[in-house]
Structure formats: structure tokens, C-alpha cells
N, C-alpha and C. Protein backbone atom coordinates (compact mmCIF):
# COMPACT_ATOMS: atom_id res chain seq x y z
N MET A 1 0.75 -1.01 -0.16
CA MET A 1 0.08 0.10 -0.09
C MET A 1 0.75 1.36 0.00
N PRO A 2 0.55 2.27 -0.83
CA PRO A 2 1.63 3.55 -0.88
C PRO A 2 1.00 4.23 0.32
N CYS A 3 1.92 5.19 0.34
CA CYS A 3 1.97 6.43 1.56
C CYS A 3 1.12 7.45 0.78
N ALA A 4 0.27 8.12 1.85
CA ALA A 4 -0.19 8.94 1.31
C ALA A 4 0.34 10.10 0.57
N PRO A 5 -0.42 11.10 -0.48
CA PRO A 5 0.56 11.84 -1.37
C PRO A 5 0.63 12.95 -0.51
N SER A 6 1.76 13.55 -0.98
CA SER A 6 2.29 14.53 -0.67
C SER A 6 1.60 15.89 -1.04
N PRO A 7 1.36 16.78 0.02
CA PRO A 7 0.77 18.00 -0.11
C PRO A 7 1.66 19.06 -1.10
N VAL A 8 3.07 19.13 -1.16
CA VAL A 8 4.21 19.36 -1.68
C VAL A 8 4.29 18.49 -2.99
N PRO A 9 4.35 19.18 -4.32
CA PRO A 9 4.73 18.37 -5.26
C PRO A 9 6.06 17.77 -5.23
N ARG A 10 6.20 16.52 -5.74
CA ARG A 10 7.54 15.86 -5.52
C ARG A 10 7.93 16.44 -7.66
N PRO A 11 9.57 16.04 -7.47
CA PRO A 11 10.05 16.50 -8.78
C PRO A 11 9.70 15.10 -9.95
N TRP A 12 9.46 15.62 -11.00
CA TRP A 12 8.93 14.45 -12.05
C TRP A 12 10.35 13.45 -12.08
N PRO A 13 9.99 11.97 -12.18
CA PRO A 13 11.41 11.25 -12.36
C PRO A 13 12.10 11.59 -13.81
N VAL A 14 11.49 11.77 -14.78
CA VAL A 14 12.23 12.23 -15.84
C VAL A 14 11.42 13.74 -16.50
N PRO A 15 12.16 14.54 -17.17
CA PRO A 15 11.27 15.56 -17.79
C PRO A 15 10.07 15.07 -18.44
N LEU A 16 9.19 15.62 -18.20
CA LEU A 16 7.61 15.54 -19.03
C LEU A 16 7.16 16.70 -19.46
N PRO A 17 7.61 17.16 -20.76
CA PRO A 17 7.31 18.57 -21.43
C PRO A 17 5.82 18.85 -21.27
N TRP A 18 5.28 17.68 -21.65
CA TRP A 18 3.64 17.89 -22.08
C TRP A 18 3.07 18.28 -20.47
N ALA A 19 3.44 17.33 -19.43
CA ALA A 19 2.99 17.27 -18.04
C ALA A 19 3.15 19.04 -17.73
N GLU A 20 4.53 19.46 -17.75
CA GLU A 20 5.01 20.62 -17.05
C GLU A 20 4.07 21.60 -17.82
N THR A 21 3.91 21.67 -19.29
CA THR A 21 3.33 22.89 -19.84
C THR A 21 1.67 23.00 -19.55
N LEU A 22 1.06 21.61 -19.30
CA LEU A 22 -0.25 21.63 -18.69
C LEU A 22 -0.19 22.38 -17.43
N GLY A 23 0.87 22.18 -16.50
CA GLY A 23 0.64 22.65 -15.29
C GLY A 23 0.74 21.63 -14.01
N ALA A 24 0.81 20.08 -14.32
CA ALA A 24 0.73 19.14 -13.75
C ALA A 24 1.55 19.11 -12.82
N THR A 25 1.21 18.46 -11.51
CA THR A 25 2.44 18.62 -10.68
C THR A 25 2.38 16.70 -9.93
N LEU A 26 3.40 16.37 -9.90
CA LEU A 26 3.45 15.00 -9.22
C LEU A 26 3.34 14.99 -7.78
N HIS A 27 2.45 14.33 -7.00
CA HIS A 27 2.42 14.22 -5.45
C HIS A 27 2.39 12.86 -4.83
N LEU A 28 2.25 11.75 -5.76
CA LEU A 28 2.76 10.60 -5.40
C LEU A 28 3.12 9.34 -6.35
N TRP A 29 4.13 8.75 -6.09
CA TRP A 29 5.14 8.09 -7.22
C TRP A 29 5.56 6.75 -6.52
N GLN A 30 4.71 5.97 -6.20
CA GLN A 30 5.47 4.88 -5.36
C GLN A 30 4.53 3.35 -5.75
N ASP A 31 5.25 2.20 -5.76
CA ASP A 31 4.84 1.08 -5.95
C ASP A 31 3.61 0.74 -6.76
N GLY A 32 3.43 1.36 -8.02
CA GLY A 32 2.78 1.12 -8.68
C GLY A 32 1.39 1.89 -8.58
N HIS A 33 1.34 3.18 -8.01
CA HIS A 33 0.49 4.27 -7.40
C HIS A 33 1.20 5.25 -7.83
N ALA A 34 0.11 6.34 -8.41
CA ALA A 34 0.57 7.91 -8.74
C ALA A 34 -0.31 8.75 -8.32
N GLU A 35 -0.23 10.06 -8.29
CA GLU A 35 -1.56 11.10 -7.88
C GLU A 35 -0.97 12.20 -8.77
N VAL A 36 -1.32 12.85 -9.74
CA VAL A 36 -1.18 14.08 -10.26
C VAL A 36 -1.99 14.98 -10.38
N ARG A 37 -1.85 16.22 -10.11
CA ARG A 37 -2.70 17.51 -9.63
C ARG A 37 -2.53 18.54 -10.72
N LEU A 38 -3.74 19.13 -10.95
CA LEU A 38 -3.62 20.29 -11.74
C LEU A 38 -4.70 21.34 -11.25
N ALA A 39 -4.03 22.83 -11.03
CA ALA A 39 -5.19 24.12 -10.53
C ALA A 39 -5.58 24.33 -12.15
N LEU A 40 -6.76 24.10 -12.36
CA LEU A 40 -7.26 24.36 -13.71
C LEU A 40 -7.09 25.85 -14.28
N GLN A 41 -6.62 25.90 -15.24
CA GLN A 41 -6.56 27.57 -15.61
C GLN A 41 -7.77 27.65 -16.90
N ALA A 42 -7.95 29.08 -17.12
CA ALA A 42 -8.75 29.63 -17.85
C ALA A 42 -8.88 28.80 -19.47
N GLY A 43 -7.48 28.97 -19.63
CA GLY A 43 -7.21 28.44 -21.05
C GLY A 43 -7.29 26.89 -21.23
N GLN A 44 -7.69 26.03 -20.45
CA GLN A 44 -8.03 24.81 -20.03
C GLN A 44 -9.32 24.39 -20.05
N HIS A 45 -10.17 25.40 -20.24
CA HIS A 45 -11.63 25.07 -20.45
C HIS A 45 -12.41 24.88 -21.77
N ASN A 46 -13.36 24.43 -22.03
CA ASN A 46 -13.97 24.27 -23.14
C ASN A 46 -14.93 25.58 -23.10
N SER A 47 -15.74 25.28 -23.99
CA SER A 47 -16.89 26.52 -24.29
C SER A 47 -17.75 26.51 -23.32
N TRP A 48 -18.06 25.68 -22.36
CA TRP A 48 -19.04 25.82 -20.97
C TRP A 48 -18.13 25.92 -19.83
N GLN A 49 -16.75 26.58 -20.40
CA GLN A 49 -15.97 26.89 -18.75
C GLN A 49 -15.75 25.97 -17.79
N VAL A 50 -16.02 24.70 -18.17
CA VAL A 50 -15.61 23.47 -17.42
C VAL A 50 -13.80 22.91 -17.78
N ALA A 51 -13.41 22.23 -17.31
CA ALA A 51 -12.18 21.57 -17.71
C ALA A 51 -12.61 20.99 -19.37
N HIS A 52 -11.79 21.06 -20.28
CA HIS A 52 -11.52 20.64 -21.54
C HIS A 52 -11.41 19.13 -21.40
N GLY A 53 -11.88 18.08 -22.44
CA GLY A 53 -12.12 16.55 -21.87
C GLY A 53 -10.29 16.16 -22.37
N GLY A 54 -10.02 17.01 -23.46
CA GLY A 54 -8.49 16.59 -23.30
C GLY A 54 -7.43 16.69 -22.34
N VAL A 55 -7.68 17.64 -21.43
CA VAL A 55 -6.97 17.81 -20.39
C VAL A 55 -7.19 16.78 -19.61
N LEU A 56 -8.40 16.26 -19.34
CA LEU A 56 -8.85 15.41 -18.17
C LEU A 56 -8.20 14.12 -18.81
N MET A 57 -8.39 14.04 -19.97
CA MET A 57 -7.33 12.48 -20.60
C MET A 57 -5.96 12.69 -20.56
N SER A 58 -5.60 13.68 -20.78
CA SER A 58 -3.74 14.18 -20.63
C SER A 58 -3.71 13.60 -19.01
N LEU A 59 -4.54 14.31 -18.08
CA LEU A 59 -4.15 13.88 -16.59
C LEU A 59 -4.28 12.48 -16.48
N LEU A 60 -5.09 11.56 -16.60
CA LEU A 60 -5.23 10.49 -16.24
C LEU A 60 -4.32 9.42 -17.16
N ASP A 61 -3.77 9.97 -18.39
CA ASP A 61 -3.01 9.27 -18.85
C ASP A 61 -1.63 9.26 -18.44
N ILE A 62 -1.25 10.78 -18.04
CA ILE A 62 0.07 10.78 -17.21
C ILE A 62 -0.05 9.95 -15.90
N ALA A 63 -0.91 10.28 -15.38
CA ALA A 63 -1.00 9.52 -13.84
C ALA A 63 -0.80 8.22 -14.19
N MET A 64 -1.60 7.29 -15.08
CA MET A 64 -1.40 5.94 -15.49
C MET A 64 0.03 5.46 -15.68
N ALA A 65 0.37 6.17 -16.47
CA ALA A 65 2.22 6.16 -16.92
C ALA A 65 3.08 6.34 -15.88
N GLN A 66 2.66 7.30 -14.73
CA GLN A 66 3.50 7.35 -14.15
C GLN A 66 3.45 6.08 -12.78
N ALA A 67 2.45 5.60 -12.57
CA ALA A 67 2.21 4.18 -11.85
C ALA A 67 2.95 3.22 -12.41
N ALA A 68 2.82 3.08 -13.61
CA ALA A 68 3.32 2.04 -14.09
C ALA A 68 4.83 2.48 -14.18
N ARG A 69 5.46 3.35 -14.26
CA ARG A 69 6.64 3.91 -14.11
C ARG A 69 7.42 3.78 -13.08
N SER A 70 6.81 3.97 -11.98
CA SER A 70 6.98 3.48 -10.57
C SER A 70 7.60 2.32 -9.92
N ARG A 71 6.93 1.50 -10.88
CA ARG A 71 7.42 -0.07 -10.45
C ARG A 71 8.80 -0.48 -11.07
N HIS A 72 9.35 0.26 -12.03
CA HIS A 72 10.50 0.25 -12.67
C HIS A 72 11.19 1.48 -12.82
N PRO A 73 11.58 2.01 -11.92
CA PRO A 73 12.19 3.68 -11.77
C PRO A 73 13.17 3.70 -12.58
N LEU A 74 14.22 2.49 -12.61
CA LEU A 74 15.35 2.70 -13.74
C LEU A 74 15.06 2.43 -15.12
N SER A 75 14.05 2.38 -15.50
CA SER A 75 13.53 1.98 -16.78
C SER A 75 13.45 3.68 -17.66
N PRO A 76 13.70 3.36 -19.11
CA PRO A 76 13.99 4.40 -19.66
C PRO A 76 12.51 5.19 -20.13
N GLY A 77 11.34 4.08 -19.91
CA GLY A 77 10.06 4.94 -19.75
C GLY A 77 9.03 4.07 -20.40
N VAL A 78 8.05 4.13 -20.20
CA VAL A 78 6.65 3.66 -21.06
C VAL A 78 5.92 4.23 -21.84
N VAL A 79 5.41 3.56 -22.76
CA VAL A 79 4.49 4.24 -23.87
C VAL A 79 3.10 3.73 -23.70
N THR A 80 2.10 4.36 -24.05
CA THR A 80 0.66 3.97 -23.76
C THR A 80 0.46 3.25 -25.03
N LEU A 81 -0.12 2.08 -24.58
CA LEU A 81 -0.52 1.32 -26.12
C LEU A 81 -1.84 1.42 -26.61
N GLU A 82 -2.83 1.57 -25.63
CA GLU A 82 -4.17 1.72 -25.20
C GLU A 82 -4.74 2.56 -24.10
N MET A 83 -6.12 3.12 -24.30
CA MET A 83 -6.38 3.84 -23.15
C MET A 83 -7.69 3.99 -23.41
N LYS A 84 -8.74 3.79 -22.34
CA LYS A 84 -10.24 4.14 -22.51
C LYS A 84 -10.82 5.05 -21.29
N THR A 85 -11.33 6.34 -22.03
CA THR A 85 -11.70 7.07 -20.66
C THR A 85 -13.55 7.30 -21.05
N SER A 86 -13.99 7.61 -19.55
CA SER A 86 -15.14 7.70 -19.54
C SER A 86 -15.58 9.09 -18.42
N PHE A 87 -16.07 9.72 -19.52
CA PHE A 87 -16.63 11.14 -18.58
C PHE A 87 -17.55 11.21 -18.16
N LEU A 88 -17.71 11.33 -16.68
CA LEU A 88 -18.79 11.16 -15.68
C LEU A 88 -19.74 12.49 -15.81
N GLN A 89 -18.99 13.62 -15.43
CA GLN A 89 -19.69 14.92 -15.15
C GLN A 89 -18.58 15.92 -15.24
N ALA A 90 -18.98 16.89 -15.23
CA ALA A 90 -18.27 18.07 -15.71
C ALA A 90 -17.16 18.39 -14.45
N ALA A 91 -15.90 18.62 -14.78
CA ALA A 91 -14.71 19.07 -13.74
C ALA A 91 -14.48 20.28 -13.67
N ARG A 92 -14.22 20.91 -12.63
CA ARG A 92 -13.86 22.52 -12.06
C ARG A 92 -12.87 22.08 -10.97
N GLY A 93 -12.16 23.25 -11.09
CA GLY A 93 -11.22 23.51 -9.80
C GLY A 93 -10.04 22.83 -9.92
N GLY A 94 -9.40 22.58 -9.07
CA GLY A 94 -8.33 21.94 -8.58
C GLY A 94 -8.70 20.26 -9.22
N LEU A 95 -7.90 19.90 -9.59
CA LEU A 95 -8.30 18.31 -10.41
C LEU A 95 -6.85 17.07 -9.77
N ARG A 96 -7.19 16.16 -9.31
CA ARG A 96 -6.51 15.16 -8.94
C ARG A 96 -6.82 13.79 -9.83
N ALA A 97 -5.74 13.09 -10.48
CA ALA A 97 -6.13 12.12 -11.20
C ALA A 97 -5.03 10.89 -10.28
N GLN A 98 -5.67 10.12 -9.85
CA GLN A 98 -5.18 8.81 -8.80
C GLN A 98 -5.16 7.34 -9.75
N ALA A 99 -3.77 7.04 -9.94
CA ALA A 99 -3.85 6.09 -10.82
C ALA A 99 -3.05 4.84 -10.05
N ARG A 100 -3.67 3.47 -10.34
CA ARG A 100 -2.86 2.53 -9.68
C ARG A 100 -2.43 1.38 -11.10
N VAL A 101 -1.39 0.50 -10.77
CA VAL A 101 -1.25 -0.68 -11.60
C VAL A 101 -2.20 -2.03 -11.23
N LEU A 102 -3.07 -2.29 -12.08
CA LEU A 102 -4.37 -3.63 -11.56
C LEU A 102 -3.12 -4.72 -11.75
N HIS A 103 -2.34 -4.66 -12.86
CA HIS A 103 -1.84 -6.09 -13.26
C HIS A 103 -0.62 -6.15 -13.93
N ALA A 104 0.23 -6.81 -13.73
CA ALA A 104 1.76 -6.22 -14.69
C ALA A 104 2.22 -7.64 -15.21
N THR A 105 2.72 -7.81 -16.29
CA THR A 105 3.55 -8.78 -16.56
C THR A 105 4.97 -8.14 -16.97
N ALA A 106 6.08 -8.96 -17.88
CA ALA A 106 7.32 -8.68 -17.74
C ALA A 106 7.50 -7.46 -18.71
N THR A 107 6.69 -6.95 -19.61
CA THR A 107 6.96 -5.85 -20.30
C THR A 107 5.40 -4.64 -20.36
N LEU A 108 4.40 -5.41 -19.86
CA LEU A 108 3.10 -4.62 -19.84
C LEU A 108 2.74 -4.41 -17.92
N ASP A 109 2.03 -2.98 -18.35
CA ASP A 109 1.21 -2.79 -16.86
C ASP A 109 -0.36 -2.24 -17.47
N PHE A 110 -1.23 -2.91 -17.08
CA PHE A 110 -2.55 -2.64 -16.94
C PHE A 110 -3.03 -1.69 -15.56
N CYS A 111 -3.52 -0.60 -16.09
CA CYS A 111 -3.55 0.41 -15.11
C CYS A 111 -5.15 0.69 -15.06
N GLU A 112 -5.67 1.49 -14.10
CA GLU A 112 -6.84 2.25 -14.02
C GLU A 112 -6.59 3.58 -13.45
N ALA A 113 -7.55 4.62 -13.52
CA ALA A 113 -6.93 5.85 -12.75
C ALA A 113 -8.75 6.87 -12.56
N ARG A 114 -8.61 7.50 -11.66
CA ARG A 114 -9.99 8.14 -11.45
C ARG A 114 -9.41 9.84 -11.49
N LEU A 115 -10.41 10.43 -12.08
CA LEU A 115 -10.36 11.72 -11.70
C LEU A 115 -11.08 12.71 -10.68
N LEU A 116 -10.70 13.44 -9.90
CA LEU A 116 -11.39 14.03 -8.97
C LEU A 116 -11.67 15.72 -9.25
N ASP A 117 -12.53 16.15 -8.64
CA ASP A 117 -12.36 17.62 -8.99
C ASP A 117 -12.17 18.29 -7.50
N ALA A 118 -12.11 19.35 -7.29
CA ALA A 118 -11.67 20.08 -6.21
C ALA A 118 -12.84 19.67 -4.96
N ASP A 119 -14.15 19.33 -5.26
CA ASP A 119 -15.09 18.74 -4.72
C ASP A 119 -14.97 17.46 -3.93
N GLY A 120 -14.17 16.83 -4.57
CA GLY A 120 -14.18 15.29 -4.46
C GLY A 120 -15.03 14.56 -5.06
N ARG A 121 -15.63 15.57 -6.54
CA ARG A 121 -16.61 14.66 -7.10
C ARG A 121 -15.73 13.86 -8.16
N LEU A 122 -15.86 12.26 -8.58
CA LEU A 122 -15.50 11.70 -9.52
C LEU A 122 -16.16 12.22 -10.85
N CYS A 123 -15.25 12.36 -11.63
CA CYS A 123 -15.70 13.17 -12.90
C CYS A 123 -15.29 12.34 -14.32
N ALA A 124 -14.29 11.40 -14.38
CA ALA A 124 -13.86 10.66 -15.33
C ALA A 124 -12.92 9.57 -14.69
N SER A 125 -12.84 8.47 -15.65
CA SER A 125 -12.13 6.98 -14.96
C SER A 125 -11.61 6.77 -16.41
N ALA A 126 -10.37 5.86 -16.29
CA ALA A 126 -9.83 5.39 -17.28
C ALA A 126 -8.95 4.23 -17.05
N SER A 127 -8.88 3.48 -18.19
CA SER A 127 -7.85 2.24 -17.97
C SER A 127 -7.15 2.10 -19.40
N GLY A 128 -5.72 1.65 -18.99
CA GLY A 128 -5.15 1.86 -20.10
C GLY A 128 -3.86 0.59 -19.95
N THR A 129 -3.20 0.64 -21.08
CA THR A 129 -2.24 -0.29 -21.06
C THR A 129 -0.56 0.35 -21.52
N PHE A 130 0.20 -0.06 -20.54
CA PHE A 130 1.47 0.47 -20.85
C PHE A 130 2.58 -0.29 -20.97
N GLN A 131 3.35 -0.16 -21.88
CA GLN A 131 4.37 -1.18 -22.41
C GLN A 131 5.75 -0.46 -21.77
N HIS A 132 6.53 -1.30 -21.09
CA HIS A 132 8.17 -0.54 -20.78
C HIS A 132 8.99 -0.58 -22.08
N LEU A 133 9.71 0.36 -21.88
CA LEU A 133 11.09 0.39 -23.08
C LEU A 133 11.86 0.09 -22.64
N ARG A 134 12.76 -0.73 -23.10
CA ARG A 134 14.09 -1.10 -22.77
C ARG A 134 14.99 -0.02 -23.08
N ALA A 135 15.07 0.52 -24.02
CA ALA A 135 15.81 1.88 -24.70
C ALA A 135 15.19 2.65 -25.49
N LEU A 136 14.97 3.85 -25.21
CA LEU A 136 14.32 4.82 -25.88
C LEU A 136 14.99 4.63 -27.48
N PRO A 137 14.03 4.48 -28.94
CA PRO A 137 14.37 4.37 -30.06
C PRO A 137 15.32 5.75 -30.63
N PRO A 138 16.37 5.59 -31.43
CA PRO A 138 17.05 6.62 -31.51
C PRO A 138 16.14 7.52 -32.46
N ARG A 139 16.55 8.94 -32.93
CA ARG A 139 15.74 9.65 -33.40
C ARG A 139 16.49 9.96 -34.67
N ARG A 140 15.40 9.61 -35.60
CA ARG A 140 16.19 9.52 -37.28
C ARG A 140 15.91 11.03 -37.65
N GLN A 141 16.88 11.30 -38.33
CA GLN A 141 17.39 12.94 -38.86
C GLN A 141 16.20 12.53 -40.20
N ARG A 142 15.46 13.64 -40.33
CA ARG A 142 14.56 13.86 -41.56
C ARG A 142 14.92 15.01 -42.07
N ALA A 143 14.54 14.91 -43.44
CA ALA A 143 14.86 15.98 -44.55
C ALA A 143 14.02 17.41 -43.64
N GLY A 144 15.06 18.44 -43.98
CA GLY A 144 14.45 19.64 -43.11
C GLY A 144 14.70 19.54 -42.03
N ASP A 145 15.30 18.66 -41.22
CA ASP A 145 15.52 18.86 -39.56
C ASP A 145 16.86 19.39 -39.49
N PRO A 146 16.69 20.34 -38.32
CA PRO A 146 18.08 21.30 -38.22
C PRO A 146 19.30 20.00 -37.90
N PRO A 147 20.54 20.34 -37.91
CA PRO A 147 21.69 19.03 -37.64
C PRO A 147 21.49 19.06 -36.17
N SER A 148 21.62 18.01 -35.86
CA SER A 148 21.70 17.79 -34.29
C SER A 148 22.96 17.67 -33.98
């Protein structure tokens, strides 16, 4: 069983530009569990002034990937193979995505996550399958890319 999430964000285990761009922070990363939080900003709303579904899916995906990654802290990373999301109600204010690994094999983690709003209401849930990478694939030089 993991310890309680920290009220103070902890550093991401590796740089996550998309999570950082969103403003997401990591509060739990232990033994197949993770919690990611976001103080929702106006630019992350949809036309009804509630959290955009893409923001919710991003938080759920990030949280599940971190839960999977927490089982193998020295792994170069994980990739999302598939993800299913259910939107239950509109989300407002501070958001928390809580994720855990349900089952693991040597290379795959099967995860679930739930997204709570500032009032603790369940707003979305997700499940996903994540593959552990042995090494990151080399980046191929493409025509028009600046030299590395």
C-alpha cells in the first residue's frame, strides 16, 4: 500500500514537457501508484467553462504512465498502447488524477485511474495498457530537420 500523497509536489522522475506545459504536478509515485494534480486555468476550459476533455485525458494518461513507471524506476520509460476514458460529469477547479497498476507482466502494465475535482467528485475514469521500453529508440534525422 502506498503512502499518502504529499501536499507538496515532488520532482518528475524524468522531464515531462507536456505535463509541465499543462501545469500538472506529481504528488505520489510509489509501488505502482501515482497521483497527479492540476490547478485548472481558464485556457484549459471548453466553451462551457469547465475542464476540456483533452486536459482530463492527459491527466489520466500521465497518472497511469507514472504508476506504471514507478514499478521500474530505472526503466527508460513507458508508452501508452491503449486507453479508454469515461467522462462522468463536468470537472472544475483543482483536479486530482489517482492511478494504480492492476496487473503487470514482464513488459506490460494494465492500469486504472480516476479523476476527482476540487469537491472530491468523480468526474472521469480511465483504463490503459502501458509498455515498458528497454531503451528509447534513436531519433531519425529527417529532411528539413536542423542538424543535431
